Amino acid sequence: MATLTLPKHSIPSLLPTQSPTHPLSHNFPILSKSSQSQFYGLQVSYSPSRSIPSFSSMKGSIFAKVNKGTVPPSFTLKDQDGRNVSLSKFKGKPVVVYFYPADETPGCTKQACAFRDSYEKFKKAGAEVVGISGDDSSSHKAFAKKYRLPFTLLSDEGNKVRKDWGVPADLFGTLPGRQTYVLDKKGVVQLVYNNQFQPEKHIDETLKLLQSL
């Protein structure tokens, strides 16, 4: 299971100088210094040694670089069998590229299994499905074997492709985003869908778009 460090909250410009008086303000603590919790399958821990980036420095990660109607940056990554796979390999057919936080987490497992269960529908639409996360090839191989995933999983160690595509993160940048792209036969993006907390909806939205192409 992946472990993420939640930085110390320091956004003075957004917080009042006086103590909050709203009756609900005491009911929603963020995290104490010693607390740890499970957030959608990822272990979140609090570290007082780091600060949240200012909103101006986060702009690049908030606004996606790849939008509908654009051709995304190409890439070559290793799949679950250690083979190099390039985006250009899929040109000439629709391709679903979905970025997800990590193997073996509850939300990501639900999403992968939903793609698996609907895989015949994607094949009928002539589309390929490709999942990308920062896990290494051996993690992908175990994940694919355990859940009998029939599609390609690519290893984006260092998150270079995620950054190149501008996939937005969640939780102040500490949780990798869950974003899906549908590219048409010419490699042009026809759908960008982001939904961290309803992973199975990615399948519904992509199939709906593919059936309209």
N, C-alpha and C. Protein backbone atom coordinates (compact mmCIF):
# COMPACT_ATOMS: atom_id res chain seq x y z
N MET A 1 0.85 -1.20 0.00
CA MET A 1 0.00 0.00 0.00
C MET A 1 0.88 1.24 0.00
N ALA A 2 0.54 2.25 -0.83
CA ALA A 2 1.35 3.45 -0.92
C ALA A 2 1.19 4.29 0.34
N THR A 3 2.26 5.02 0.72
CA THR A 3 2.24 5.89 1.88
C THR A 3 2.51 7.31 1.43
N LEU A 4 1.66 8.25 1.82
CA LEU A 4 1.82 9.63 1.43
C LEU A 4 2.01 10.48 2.67
N THR A 5 2.85 11.51 2.57
CA THR A 5 3.10 12.42 3.69
C THR A 5 2.32 13.69 3.46
N LEU A 6 1.45 14.03 4.39
CA LEU A 6 0.65 15.24 4.30
C LEU A 6 1.41 16.39 4.93
N PRO A 7 1.72 17.44 4.16
CA PRO A 7 2.53 18.53 4.71
C PRO A 7 1.78 19.38 5.72
N LYS A 8 2.60 20.15 6.50
CA LYS A 8 2.03 21.04 7.52
C LYS A 8 1.22 22.14 6.85
N HIS A 9 0.07 22.45 7.38
CA HIS A 9 -0.79 23.46 6.79
C HIS A 9 -0.30 24.85 7.19
N SER A 10 0.00 25.67 6.17
CA SER A 10 0.45 27.03 6.46
C SER A 10 -0.03 27.94 5.35
N ILE A 11 -1.29 28.34 5.42
CA ILE A 11 -1.86 29.24 4.42
C ILE A 11 -2.44 30.44 5.16
N PRO A 12 -1.56 31.31 5.71
CA PRO A 12 -2.03 32.39 6.57
C PRO A 12 -2.97 33.34 5.86
N SER A 13 -2.81 33.52 4.55
CA SER A 13 -3.65 34.48 3.84
C SER A 13 -5.10 34.01 3.74
N LEU A 14 -5.35 32.71 3.95
CA LEU A 14 -6.69 32.17 3.83
C LEU A 14 -7.36 31.95 5.18
N LEU A 15 -6.64 32.16 6.27
CA LEU A 15 -7.17 31.86 7.60
C LEU A 15 -7.39 33.14 8.37
N PRO A 16 -8.46 33.20 9.17
CA PRO A 16 -8.71 34.40 9.99
C PRO A 16 -7.68 34.51 11.10
N THR A 17 -7.39 35.76 11.53
CA THR A 17 -6.40 35.95 12.58
C THR A 17 -6.98 35.63 13.96
N GLN A 18 -8.29 35.77 14.12
CA GLN A 18 -8.90 35.45 15.41
C GLN A 18 -9.36 34.00 15.44
N SER A 19 -9.65 33.50 16.61
CA SER A 19 -10.12 32.12 16.76
C SER A 19 -11.49 32.00 16.13
N PRO A 20 -11.75 30.90 15.39
CA PRO A 20 -13.07 30.72 14.76
C PRO A 20 -14.16 30.60 15.81
N THR A 21 -15.32 31.18 15.47
CA THR A 21 -16.43 31.15 16.44
C THR A 21 -17.59 30.33 15.93
N HIS A 22 -17.52 29.87 14.68
CA HIS A 22 -18.63 29.07 14.14
C HIS A 22 -18.76 27.77 14.92
N PRO A 23 -19.96 27.40 15.31
CA PRO A 23 -20.14 26.20 16.15
C PRO A 23 -19.66 24.92 15.50
N LEU A 24 -19.55 24.90 14.16
CA LEU A 24 -19.09 23.67 13.50
C LEU A 24 -17.59 23.61 13.37
N SER A 25 -16.90 24.73 13.71
CA SER A 25 -15.47 24.77 13.45
C SER A 25 -14.68 23.78 14.27
N HIS A 26 -15.23 23.33 15.39
CA HIS A 26 -14.50 22.39 16.23
C HIS A 26 -14.74 20.96 15.83
N ASN A 27 -15.62 20.73 14.85
CA ASN A 27 -15.99 19.37 14.49
C ASN A 27 -15.20 18.80 13.31
N PHE A 28 -14.33 19.62 12.71
CA PHE A 28 -13.64 19.18 11.51
C PHE A 28 -12.13 19.39 11.61
N PRO A 29 -11.46 18.68 12.52
CA PRO A 29 -10.00 18.79 12.59
C PRO A 29 -9.39 18.23 11.31
N ILE A 30 -8.25 18.77 10.93
CA ILE A 30 -7.58 18.26 9.71
C ILE A 30 -6.79 17.02 10.08
N LEU A 31 -5.68 17.16 10.73
CA LEU A 31 -4.92 16.02 11.23
C LEU A 31 -4.02 16.52 12.35
N SER A 32 -3.94 15.80 13.44
CA SER A 32 -3.02 16.17 14.50
C SER A 32 -1.62 15.72 14.11
N LYS A 33 -0.61 16.19 14.84
CA LYS A 33 0.77 15.87 14.49
C LYS A 33 1.04 14.38 14.54
N SER A 34 0.33 13.67 15.36
CA SER A 34 0.62 12.25 15.51
C SER A 34 -0.35 11.36 14.76
N SER A 35 -1.28 11.99 14.02
CA SER A 35 -2.35 11.18 13.43
C SER A 35 -1.96 10.57 12.11
N GLN A 36 -2.56 9.41 11.80
CA GLN A 36 -2.46 8.76 10.51
C GLN A 36 -3.83 8.24 10.16
N SER A 37 -4.14 8.24 8.88
CA SER A 37 -5.46 7.74 8.48
C SER A 37 -5.37 7.08 7.13
N GLN A 38 -6.40 6.32 6.79
CA GLN A 38 -6.50 5.69 5.48
C GLN A 38 -7.39 6.55 4.61
N PHE A 39 -6.84 7.17 3.56
CA PHE A 39 -7.62 8.01 2.67
C PHE A 39 -7.74 7.33 1.33
N TYR A 40 -8.90 6.74 1.10
CA TYR A 40 -9.22 6.09 -0.17
C TYR A 40 -8.12 5.13 -0.59
N GLY A 41 -7.66 4.36 0.39
CA GLY A 41 -6.71 3.31 0.08
C GLY A 41 -5.27 3.72 0.23
N LEU A 42 -4.99 5.01 0.51
CA LEU A 42 -3.62 5.45 0.68
C LEU A 42 -3.41 5.87 2.12
N GLN A 43 -2.29 5.46 2.71
CA GLN A 43 -2.01 5.83 4.09
C GLN A 43 -1.48 7.25 4.11
N VAL A 44 -2.15 8.11 4.85
CA VAL A 44 -1.77 9.51 4.92
C VAL A 44 -1.18 9.80 6.29
N SER A 45 0.01 10.35 6.32
CA SER A 45 0.63 10.72 7.60
C SER A 45 0.95 12.21 7.58
N TYR A 46 1.01 12.81 8.76
CA TYR A 46 1.20 14.25 8.89
C TYR A 46 2.64 14.52 9.27
N SER A 47 3.27 15.45 8.57
CA SER A 47 4.64 15.81 8.89
C SER A 47 4.72 17.31 9.12
N PRO A 48 5.20 17.75 10.30
CA PRO A 48 5.28 19.18 10.59
C PRO A 48 6.45 19.87 9.93
N SER A 49 7.29 19.13 9.20
CA SER A 49 8.53 19.69 8.68
C SER A 49 8.37 20.31 7.31
N ARG A 50 7.21 20.14 6.66
CA ARG A 50 7.03 20.66 5.32
C ARG A 50 5.84 21.61 5.28
N SER A 51 5.85 22.51 4.29
CA SER A 51 4.76 23.47 4.14
C SER A 51 4.03 23.22 2.84
N ILE A 52 2.75 23.55 2.84
CA ILE A 52 1.96 23.45 1.62
C ILE A 52 2.44 24.53 0.65
N PRO A 53 2.62 24.20 -0.62
CA PRO A 53 3.03 25.23 -1.58
C PRO A 53 1.98 26.32 -1.67
N SER A 54 2.43 27.53 -2.00
CA SER A 54 1.47 28.60 -2.18
C SER A 54 0.61 28.31 -3.39
N PHE A 55 -0.56 28.95 -3.47
CA PHE A 55 -1.45 28.69 -4.58
C PHE A 55 -0.80 29.09 -5.89
N SER A 56 0.05 30.11 -5.88
CA SER A 56 0.69 30.53 -7.13
C SER A 56 1.64 29.47 -7.64
N SER A 57 2.30 28.74 -6.74
CA SER A 57 3.23 27.70 -7.17
C SER A 57 2.52 26.43 -7.56
N MET A 58 1.22 26.29 -7.18
CA MET A 58 0.47 25.09 -7.50
C MET A 58 -0.28 25.19 -8.82
N LYS A 59 -0.26 26.38 -9.45
CA LYS A 59 -1.07 26.59 -10.64
C LYS A 59 -0.77 25.58 -11.73
N GLY A 60 0.51 25.25 -11.89
CA GLY A 60 0.89 24.33 -12.95
C GLY A 60 0.29 22.95 -12.77
N SER A 61 0.04 22.55 -11.52
CA SER A 61 -0.50 21.22 -11.28
C SER A 61 -2.02 21.22 -11.23
N ILE A 62 -2.63 22.40 -11.11
CA ILE A 62 -4.07 22.47 -11.01
C ILE A 62 -4.71 22.45 -12.41
N PHE A 63 -4.11 23.17 -13.35
CA PHE A 63 -4.70 23.29 -14.67
C PHE A 63 -4.06 22.31 -15.64
N ALA A 64 -4.87 21.42 -16.20
CA ALA A 64 -4.37 20.38 -17.09
C ALA A 64 -3.79 20.98 -18.36
N LYS A 65 -2.69 20.38 -18.83
CA LYS A 65 -2.07 20.83 -20.07
C LYS A 65 -2.71 20.15 -21.27
N VAL A 66 -3.28 18.97 -21.06
CA VAL A 66 -3.90 18.23 -22.15
C VAL A 66 -5.41 18.41 -22.06
N ASN A 67 -5.98 19.02 -23.08
CA ASN A 67 -7.41 19.29 -23.09
C ASN A 67 -8.07 18.68 -24.32
N LYS A 68 -9.38 18.69 -24.34
CA LYS A 68 -10.13 18.19 -25.48
C LYS A 68 -9.72 18.94 -26.74
N GLY A 69 -9.49 18.19 -27.82
CA GLY A 69 -9.11 18.79 -29.08
C GLY A 69 -7.62 18.92 -29.29
N THR A 70 -6.82 18.53 -28.29
CA THR A 70 -5.36 18.62 -28.41
C THR A 70 -4.74 17.23 -28.62
N VAL A 71 -3.51 17.24 -29.09
CA VAL A 71 -2.75 15.99 -29.21
C VAL A 71 -1.79 15.94 -28.02
N PRO A 72 -1.90 14.95 -27.16
CA PRO A 72 -1.08 14.90 -25.95
C PRO A 72 0.38 14.55 -26.25
N PRO A 73 1.29 14.88 -25.34
CA PRO A 73 2.70 14.51 -25.52
C PRO A 73 2.85 12.99 -25.63
N SER A 74 3.73 12.56 -26.51
CA SER A 74 3.97 11.13 -26.65
C SER A 74 4.80 10.63 -25.47
N PHE A 75 4.85 9.32 -25.32
CA PHE A 75 5.66 8.73 -24.24
C PHE A 75 6.03 7.30 -24.61
N THR A 76 7.03 6.81 -23.93
CA THR A 76 7.41 5.40 -24.01
C THR A 76 7.66 4.93 -22.58
N LEU A 77 6.88 3.96 -22.12
CA LEU A 77 6.99 3.46 -20.75
C LEU A 77 7.00 1.94 -20.77
N LYS A 78 7.45 1.35 -19.68
CA LYS A 78 7.48 -0.10 -19.56
C LYS A 78 6.12 -0.62 -19.07
N ASP A 79 5.69 -1.74 -19.68
CA ASP A 79 4.43 -2.35 -19.25
C ASP A 79 4.67 -3.35 -18.14
N GLN A 80 3.64 -4.11 -17.78
CA GLN A 80 3.75 -5.05 -16.66
C GLN A 80 4.72 -6.20 -16.93
N ASP A 81 5.09 -6.38 -18.19
CA ASP A 81 6.07 -7.42 -18.55
C ASP A 81 7.45 -6.85 -18.82
N GLY A 82 7.63 -5.57 -18.55
CA GLY A 82 8.94 -4.94 -18.73
C GLY A 82 9.24 -4.53 -20.16
N ARG A 83 8.23 -4.58 -21.04
CA ARG A 83 8.43 -4.20 -22.44
C ARG A 83 8.11 -2.72 -22.64
N ASN A 84 8.88 -2.07 -23.51
CA ASN A 84 8.61 -0.66 -23.82
C ASN A 84 7.36 -0.54 -24.68
N VAL A 85 6.48 0.37 -24.29
CA VAL A 85 5.26 0.63 -25.04
C VAL A 85 5.16 2.13 -25.27
N SER A 86 4.96 2.51 -26.53
CA SER A 86 4.83 3.93 -26.89
C SER A 86 3.38 4.27 -27.20
N LEU A 87 3.00 5.50 -26.94
CA LEU A 87 1.64 5.95 -27.24
C LEU A 87 1.36 5.82 -28.74
N SER A 88 2.38 6.05 -29.55
CA SER A 88 2.20 5.98 -31.01
C SER A 88 1.77 4.59 -31.49
N LYS A 89 2.01 3.58 -30.66
CA LYS A 89 1.62 2.21 -31.01
C LYS A 89 0.10 2.10 -31.23
N PHE A 90 -0.65 2.96 -30.56
CA PHE A 90 -2.11 2.84 -30.59
C PHE A 90 -2.77 3.75 -31.64
N LYS A 91 -1.95 4.50 -32.39
CA LYS A 91 -2.53 5.38 -33.39
C LYS A 91 -3.24 4.56 -34.45
N GLY A 92 -4.39 5.04 -34.88
CA GLY A 92 -5.19 4.30 -35.85
C GLY A 92 -6.39 3.63 -35.21
N LYS A 93 -6.45 3.69 -33.88
CA LYS A 93 -7.60 3.16 -33.15
C LYS A 93 -7.82 4.02 -31.90
N PRO A 94 -9.05 4.08 -31.41
CA PRO A 94 -9.28 4.84 -30.17
C PRO A 94 -8.51 4.20 -29.01
N VAL A 95 -8.07 5.04 -28.09
CA VAL A 95 -7.38 4.51 -26.91
C VAL A 95 -7.84 5.27 -25.67
N VAL A 96 -8.07 4.51 -24.61
CA VAL A 96 -8.43 5.08 -23.31
C VAL A 96 -7.17 5.04 -22.44
N VAL A 97 -6.70 6.20 -22.05
CA VAL A 97 -5.53 6.30 -21.17
C VAL A 97 -6.02 6.80 -19.82
N TYR A 98 -5.90 5.95 -18.81
CA TYR A 98 -6.38 6.39 -17.49
C TYR A 98 -5.24 6.38 -16.47
N PHE A 99 -5.06 7.53 -15.83
CA PHE A 99 -4.07 7.70 -14.77
C PHE A 99 -4.76 7.42 -13.44
N TYR A 100 -4.11 6.62 -12.60
CA TYR A 100 -4.70 6.28 -11.30
C TYR A 100 -3.61 6.35 -10.23
N PRO A 101 -3.99 6.53 -8.96
CA PRO A 101 -3.01 6.74 -7.89
C PRO A 101 -2.03 5.59 -7.65
N ALA A 102 -2.54 4.35 -7.43
CA ALA A 102 -1.62 3.27 -7.06
C ALA A 102 -2.28 1.90 -7.15
N ASP A 103 -1.46 0.89 -7.46
CA ASP A 103 -1.94 -0.50 -7.46
C ASP A 103 -2.41 -0.90 -6.06
N GLU A 104 -3.35 -1.83 -6.03
CA GLU A 104 -3.78 -2.49 -4.79
C GLU A 104 -4.42 -1.56 -3.76
N THR A 105 -4.90 -0.40 -4.19
CA THR A 105 -5.68 0.44 -3.28
C THR A 105 -7.15 0.26 -3.64
N PRO A 106 -8.06 0.46 -2.69
CA PRO A 106 -9.47 0.13 -2.93
C PRO A 106 -10.08 0.80 -4.16
N GLY A 107 -9.91 2.11 -4.28
CA GLY A 107 -10.49 2.81 -5.42
C GLY A 107 -9.90 2.38 -6.75
N CYS A 108 -8.59 2.20 -6.77
CA CYS A 108 -7.91 1.81 -8.01
C CYS A 108 -8.23 0.37 -8.39
N THR A 109 -8.42 -0.48 -7.42
CA THR A 109 -8.80 -1.86 -7.70
C THR A 109 -10.21 -1.91 -8.27
N LYS A 110 -11.12 -1.13 -7.69
CA LYS A 110 -12.49 -1.06 -8.22
C LYS A 110 -12.47 -0.59 -9.67
N GLN A 111 -11.68 0.44 -9.93
CA GLN A 111 -11.63 0.99 -11.28
C GLN A 111 -11.06 -0.01 -12.28
N ALA A 112 -9.95 -0.64 -11.91
CA ALA A 112 -9.32 -1.62 -12.80
C ALA A 112 -10.27 -2.79 -13.09
N CYS A 113 -10.95 -3.27 -12.06
CA CYS A 113 -11.87 -4.40 -12.24
C CYS A 113 -13.09 -3.99 -13.06
N ALA A 114 -13.50 -2.73 -12.95
CA ALA A 114 -14.62 -2.26 -13.77
C ALA A 114 -14.21 -2.18 -15.23
N PHE A 115 -12.99 -1.75 -15.51
CA PHE A 115 -12.48 -1.77 -16.88
C PHE A 115 -12.41 -3.22 -17.38
N ARG A 116 -11.96 -4.12 -16.51
CA ARG A 116 -11.89 -5.54 -16.87
C ARG A 116 -13.27 -6.10 -17.21
N ASP A 117 -14.24 -5.81 -16.37
CA ASP A 117 -15.58 -6.36 -16.57
C ASP A 117 -16.26 -5.81 -17.83
N SER A 118 -15.84 -4.63 -18.27
CA SER A 118 -16.42 -4.04 -19.48
C SER A 118 -15.48 -4.12 -20.67
N TYR A 119 -14.43 -4.91 -20.53
CA TYR A 119 -13.38 -4.93 -21.56
C TYR A 119 -13.91 -5.35 -22.93
N GLU A 120 -14.86 -6.27 -22.96
CA GLU A 120 -15.42 -6.71 -24.24
C GLU A 120 -16.14 -5.55 -24.94
N LYS A 121 -16.74 -4.66 -24.17
CA LYS A 121 -17.40 -3.50 -24.76
C LYS A 121 -16.38 -2.55 -25.38
N PHE A 122 -15.23 -2.42 -24.72
CA PHE A 122 -14.18 -1.58 -25.28
C PHE A 122 -13.63 -2.21 -26.57
N LYS A 123 -13.46 -3.52 -26.56
CA LYS A 123 -12.98 -4.21 -27.76
C LYS A 123 -13.97 -4.05 -28.90
N LYS A 124 -15.25 -4.14 -28.57
CA LYS A 124 -16.29 -4.00 -29.59
C LYS A 124 -16.24 -2.61 -30.21
N ALA A 125 -15.87 -1.62 -29.41
CA ALA A 125 -15.73 -0.24 -29.90
C ALA A 125 -14.40 -0.03 -30.62
N GLY A 126 -13.58 -1.09 -30.64
CA GLY A 126 -12.28 -1.01 -31.32
C GLY A 126 -11.23 -0.25 -30.54
N ALA A 127 -11.46 -0.09 -29.23
CA ALA A 127 -10.56 0.73 -28.41
C ALA A 127 -9.62 -0.10 -27.55
N GLU A 128 -8.45 0.48 -27.28
CA GLU A 128 -7.49 -0.09 -26.34
C GLU A 128 -7.63 0.62 -25.00
N VAL A 129 -7.32 -0.09 -23.92
CA VAL A 129 -7.34 0.49 -22.58
C VAL A 129 -5.92 0.43 -22.01
N VAL A 130 -5.45 1.56 -21.49
CA VAL A 130 -4.10 1.64 -20.92
C VAL A 130 -4.17 2.35 -19.58
N GLY A 131 -3.70 1.69 -18.52
CA GLY A 131 -3.65 2.30 -17.20
C GLY A 131 -2.24 2.75 -16.88
N ILE A 132 -2.09 3.90 -16.24
CA ILE A 132 -0.77 4.44 -15.90
C ILE A 132 -0.74 4.88 -14.44
N SER A 133 0.28 4.43 -13.72
CA SER A 133 0.53 4.92 -12.36
C SER A 133 2.04 4.94 -12.12
N GLY A 134 2.44 5.42 -10.95
CA GLY A 134 3.86 5.51 -10.63
C GLY A 134 4.46 4.21 -10.12
N ASP A 135 3.67 3.12 -10.06
CA ASP A 135 4.18 1.83 -9.60
C ASP A 135 5.14 1.24 -10.63
N ASP A 136 6.05 0.38 -10.16
CA ASP A 136 6.99 -0.24 -11.10
C ASP A 136 6.35 -1.43 -11.81
N SER A 137 7.06 -1.98 -12.78
CA SER A 137 6.53 -3.06 -13.61
C SER A 137 6.16 -4.30 -12.81
N SER A 138 6.96 -4.62 -11.80
CA SER A 138 6.68 -5.82 -11.01
C SER A 138 5.39 -5.66 -10.20
N SER A 139 5.13 -4.46 -9.72
CA SER A 139 3.88 -4.19 -9.01
C SER A 139 2.71 -4.33 -9.97
N HIS A 140 2.86 -3.77 -11.17
CA HIS A 140 1.80 -3.88 -12.18
C HIS A 140 1.53 -5.35 -12.55
N LYS A 141 2.60 -6.12 -12.66
CA LYS A 141 2.45 -7.53 -13.05
C LYS A 141 1.65 -8.29 -12.00
N ALA A 142 1.98 -8.07 -10.73
CA ALA A 142 1.26 -8.74 -9.64
C ALA A 142 -0.19 -8.29 -9.58
N PHE A 143 -0.42 -7.00 -9.79
CA PHE A 143 -1.76 -6.42 -9.76
C PHE A 143 -2.61 -7.00 -10.89
N ALA A 144 -2.03 -7.05 -12.09
CA ALA A 144 -2.75 -7.57 -13.25
C ALA A 144 -3.06 -9.06 -13.10
N LYS A 145 -2.11 -9.79 -12.55
CA LYS A 145 -2.30 -11.24 -12.37
C LYS A 145 -3.37 -11.53 -11.32
N LYS A 146 -3.31 -10.79 -10.22
CA LYS A 146 -4.25 -11.03 -9.12
C LYS A 146 -5.70 -10.78 -9.54
N TYR A 147 -5.92 -9.74 -10.35
CA TYR A 147 -7.29 -9.38 -10.73
C TYR A 147 -7.62 -9.71 -12.19
N ARG A 148 -6.72 -10.48 -12.84
CA ARG A 148 -6.93 -10.94 -14.22
C ARG A 148 -7.27 -9.77 -15.15
N LEU A 149 -6.40 -8.76 -15.12
CA LEU A 149 -6.62 -7.58 -15.94
C LEU A 149 -6.11 -7.85 -17.36
N PRO A 150 -6.96 -7.71 -18.37
CA PRO A 150 -6.58 -8.07 -19.73
C PRO A 150 -5.95 -6.93 -20.53
N PHE A 151 -5.74 -5.79 -19.90
CA PHE A 151 -5.22 -4.63 -20.63
C PHE A 151 -3.83 -4.22 -20.11
N THR A 152 -3.25 -3.26 -20.79
CA THR A 152 -1.88 -2.81 -20.50
C THR A 152 -1.82 -1.87 -19.31
N LEU A 153 -0.85 -2.10 -18.43
CA LEU A 153 -0.54 -1.18 -17.33
C LEU A 153 0.87 -0.67 -17.54
N LEU A 154 1.06 0.64 -17.50
CA LEU A 154 2.37 1.23 -17.75
C LEU A 154 2.92 1.88 -16.48
N SER A 155 4.23 1.78 -16.35
CA SER A 155 4.93 2.29 -15.17
C SER A 155 5.52 3.67 -15.44
N ASP A 156 4.97 4.66 -14.76
CA ASP A 156 5.43 6.05 -14.89
C ASP A 156 6.19 6.43 -13.62
N GLU A 157 7.29 5.72 -13.36
CA GLU A 157 8.08 6.01 -12.16
C GLU A 157 8.66 7.42 -12.28
N GLY A 158 8.50 8.20 -11.21
CA GLY A 158 8.93 9.59 -11.26
C GLY A 158 7.83 10.52 -11.75
N ASN A 159 6.72 9.93 -12.24
CA ASN A 159 5.54 10.68 -12.66
C ASN A 159 5.81 11.71 -13.76
N LYS A 160 6.77 11.41 -14.63
CA LYS A 160 7.10 12.35 -15.70
C LYS A 160 5.93 12.55 -16.67
N VAL A 161 5.32 11.43 -17.10
CA VAL A 161 4.21 11.54 -18.05
C VAL A 161 3.02 12.22 -17.40
N ARG A 162 2.78 11.88 -16.15
CA ARG A 162 1.68 12.53 -15.41
C ARG A 162 1.88 14.05 -15.40
N LYS A 163 3.11 14.49 -15.20
CA LYS A 163 3.40 15.92 -15.19
C LYS A 163 3.30 16.50 -16.60
N ASP A 164 3.81 15.77 -17.59
CA ASP A 164 3.76 16.26 -18.98
C ASP A 164 2.32 16.45 -19.44
N TRP A 165 1.44 15.56 -18.99
CA TRP A 165 0.02 15.66 -19.39
C TRP A 165 -0.74 16.63 -18.49
N GLY A 166 -0.13 17.04 -17.39
CA GLY A 166 -0.78 17.99 -16.49
C GLY A 166 -1.92 17.40 -15.70
N VAL A 167 -1.80 16.13 -15.30
CA VAL A 167 -2.86 15.50 -14.51
C VAL A 167 -2.92 16.16 -13.13
N PRO A 168 -4.04 16.78 -12.77
CA PRO A 168 -4.11 17.47 -11.48
C PRO A 168 -4.14 16.50 -10.30
N ALA A 169 -3.51 16.92 -9.21
CA ALA A 169 -3.48 16.11 -7.99
C ALA A 169 -4.58 16.56 -7.04
N ASP A 170 -4.81 15.75 -6.00
CA ASP A 170 -5.80 16.08 -4.98
C ASP A 170 -5.10 16.21 -3.62
N LEU A 171 -5.85 16.65 -2.62
CA LEU A 171 -5.33 16.80 -1.26
C LEU A 171 -4.07 17.66 -1.22
N PHE A 172 -4.18 18.88 -1.74
CA PHE A 172 -3.06 19.81 -1.74
C PHE A 172 -1.82 19.24 -2.45
N GLY A 173 -2.07 18.43 -3.47
CA GLY A 173 -0.96 17.90 -4.24
C GLY A 173 -0.34 16.63 -3.69
N THR A 174 -0.89 16.07 -2.60
CA THR A 174 -0.29 14.88 -1.99
C THR A 174 -0.85 13.57 -2.54
N LEU A 175 -2.03 13.62 -3.19
CA LEU A 175 -2.66 12.42 -3.71
C LEU A 175 -2.69 12.48 -5.23
N PRO A 176 -2.03 11.54 -5.92
CA PRO A 176 -2.04 11.55 -7.38
C PRO A 176 -3.47 11.52 -7.92
N GLY A 177 -3.72 12.31 -8.93
CA GLY A 177 -5.07 12.43 -9.47
C GLY A 177 -5.52 11.19 -10.24
N ARG A 178 -6.84 11.07 -10.36
CA ARG A 178 -7.45 9.98 -11.12
C ARG A 178 -8.13 10.62 -12.34
N GLN A 179 -7.47 10.54 -13.49
CA GLN A 179 -7.98 11.23 -14.67
C GLN A 179 -7.89 10.32 -15.89
N THR A 180 -8.95 10.34 -16.70
CA THR A 180 -9.04 9.48 -17.87
C THR A 180 -9.16 10.32 -19.15
N TYR A 181 -8.44 9.89 -20.18
CA TYR A 181 -8.48 10.54 -21.49
C TYR A 181 -8.93 9.53 -22.53
N VAL A 182 -9.74 9.99 -23.47
CA VAL A 182 -10.08 9.17 -24.62
C VAL A 182 -9.52 9.86 -25.86
N LEU A 183 -8.66 9.15 -26.59
CA LEU A 183 -8.07 9.65 -27.83
C LEU A 183 -8.74 8.96 -29.01
N ASP A 184 -9.01 9.71 -30.06
CA ASP A 184 -9.62 9.10 -31.24
C ASP A 184 -8.55 8.45 -32.12
N LYS A 185 -8.94 7.98 -33.29
CA LYS A 185 -8.02 7.25 -34.17
C LYS A 185 -6.84 8.10 -34.62
N LYS A 186 -7.02 9.42 -34.63
CA LYS A 186 -5.94 10.33 -35.04
C LYS A 186 -5.06 10.76 -33.88
N GLY A 187 -5.38 10.27 -32.68
CA GLY A 187 -4.59 10.64 -31.51
C GLY A 187 -5.00 11.96 -30.88
N VAL A 188 -6.19 12.45 -31.24
CA VAL A 188 -6.69 13.71 -30.68
C VAL A 188 -7.60 13.41 -29.49
N VAL A 189 -7.42 14.17 -28.41
CA VAL A 189 -8.21 13.95 -27.19
C VAL A 189 -9.67 14.37 -27.42
N GLN A 190 -10.59 13.45 -27.13
CA GLN A 190 -12.01 13.72 -27.28
C GLN A 190 -12.73 13.80 -25.93
N LEU A 191 -12.07 13.33 -24.88
CA LEU A 191 -12.68 13.38 -23.54
C LEU A 191 -11.59 13.46 -22.49
N VAL A 192 -11.81 14.33 -21.51
CA VAL A 192 -10.98 14.38 -20.30
C VAL A 192 -11.95 14.26 -19.13
N TYR A 193 -11.79 13.19 -18.33
CA TYR A 193 -12.73 12.96 -17.23
C TYR A 193 -11.96 12.77 -15.93
N ASN A 194 -12.31 13.56 -14.92
CA ASN A 194 -11.64 13.50 -13.62
C ASN A 194 -12.67 13.22 -12.53
N ASN A 195 -12.43 12.15 -11.78
CA ASN A 195 -13.32 11.82 -10.66
C ASN A 195 -12.56 10.90 -9.71
N GLN A 196 -12.02 11.48 -8.64
CA GLN A 196 -11.20 10.71 -7.71
C GLN A 196 -12.03 9.71 -6.91
N PHE A 197 -13.24 10.10 -6.53
CA PHE A 197 -13.98 9.33 -5.53
C PHE A 197 -15.07 8.42 -6.08
N GLN A 198 -15.27 8.44 -7.39
CA GLN A 198 -16.21 7.51 -8.03
C GLN A 198 -15.48 6.85 -9.21
N PRO A 199 -14.51 5.99 -8.88
CA PRO A 199 -13.64 5.42 -9.92
C PRO A 199 -14.38 4.66 -11.01
N GLU A 200 -15.49 4.02 -10.67
CA GLU A 200 -16.20 3.22 -11.67
C GLU A 200 -16.93 4.07 -12.71
N LYS A 201 -17.17 5.36 -12.40
CA LYS A 201 -17.83 6.24 -13.36
C LYS A 201 -16.95 6.53 -14.57
N HIS A 202 -15.64 6.33 -14.41
CA HIS A 202 -14.73 6.54 -15.54
C HIS A 202 -15.09 5.60 -16.69
N ILE A 203 -15.53 4.39 -16.34
CA ILE A 203 -15.87 3.40 -17.37
C ILE A 203 -17.14 3.83 -18.10
N ASP A 204 -18.13 4.27 -17.36
CA ASP A 204 -19.39 4.71 -17.96
C ASP A 204 -19.17 5.88 -18.92
N GLU A 205 -18.38 6.86 -18.48
CA GLU A 205 -18.17 8.05 -19.30
C GLU A 205 -17.36 7.75 -20.56
N THR A 206 -16.35 6.89 -20.43
CA THR A 206 -15.53 6.59 -21.60
C THR A 206 -16.30 5.76 -22.62
N LEU A 207 -17.10 4.80 -22.16
CA LEU A 207 -17.89 3.99 -23.08
C LEU A 207 -18.93 4.85 -23.81
N LYS A 208 -19.53 5.77 -23.08
CA LYS A 208 -20.52 6.66 -23.67
C LYS A 208 -19.89 7.46 -24.82
N LEU A 209 -18.68 7.95 -24.58
CA LEU A 209 -17.99 8.74 -25.61
C LEU A 209 -17.58 7.86 -26.79
N LEU A 210 -17.04 6.69 -26.50
CA LEU A 210 -16.58 5.79 -27.57
C LEU A 210 -17.72 5.37 -28.49
N GLN A 211 -18.87 5.17 -27.91
CA GLN A 211 -20.03 4.75 -28.71
C GLN A 211 -20.55 5.86 -29.61
N SER A 212 -20.11 7.09 -29.34
CA SER A 212 -20.54 8.22 -30.17
C SER A 212 -19.53 8.56 -31.26
N LEU A 213 -18.35 7.97 -31.22
CA LEU A 213 -17.32 8.27 -32.22
C LEU A 213 -17.65 7.63 -33.56
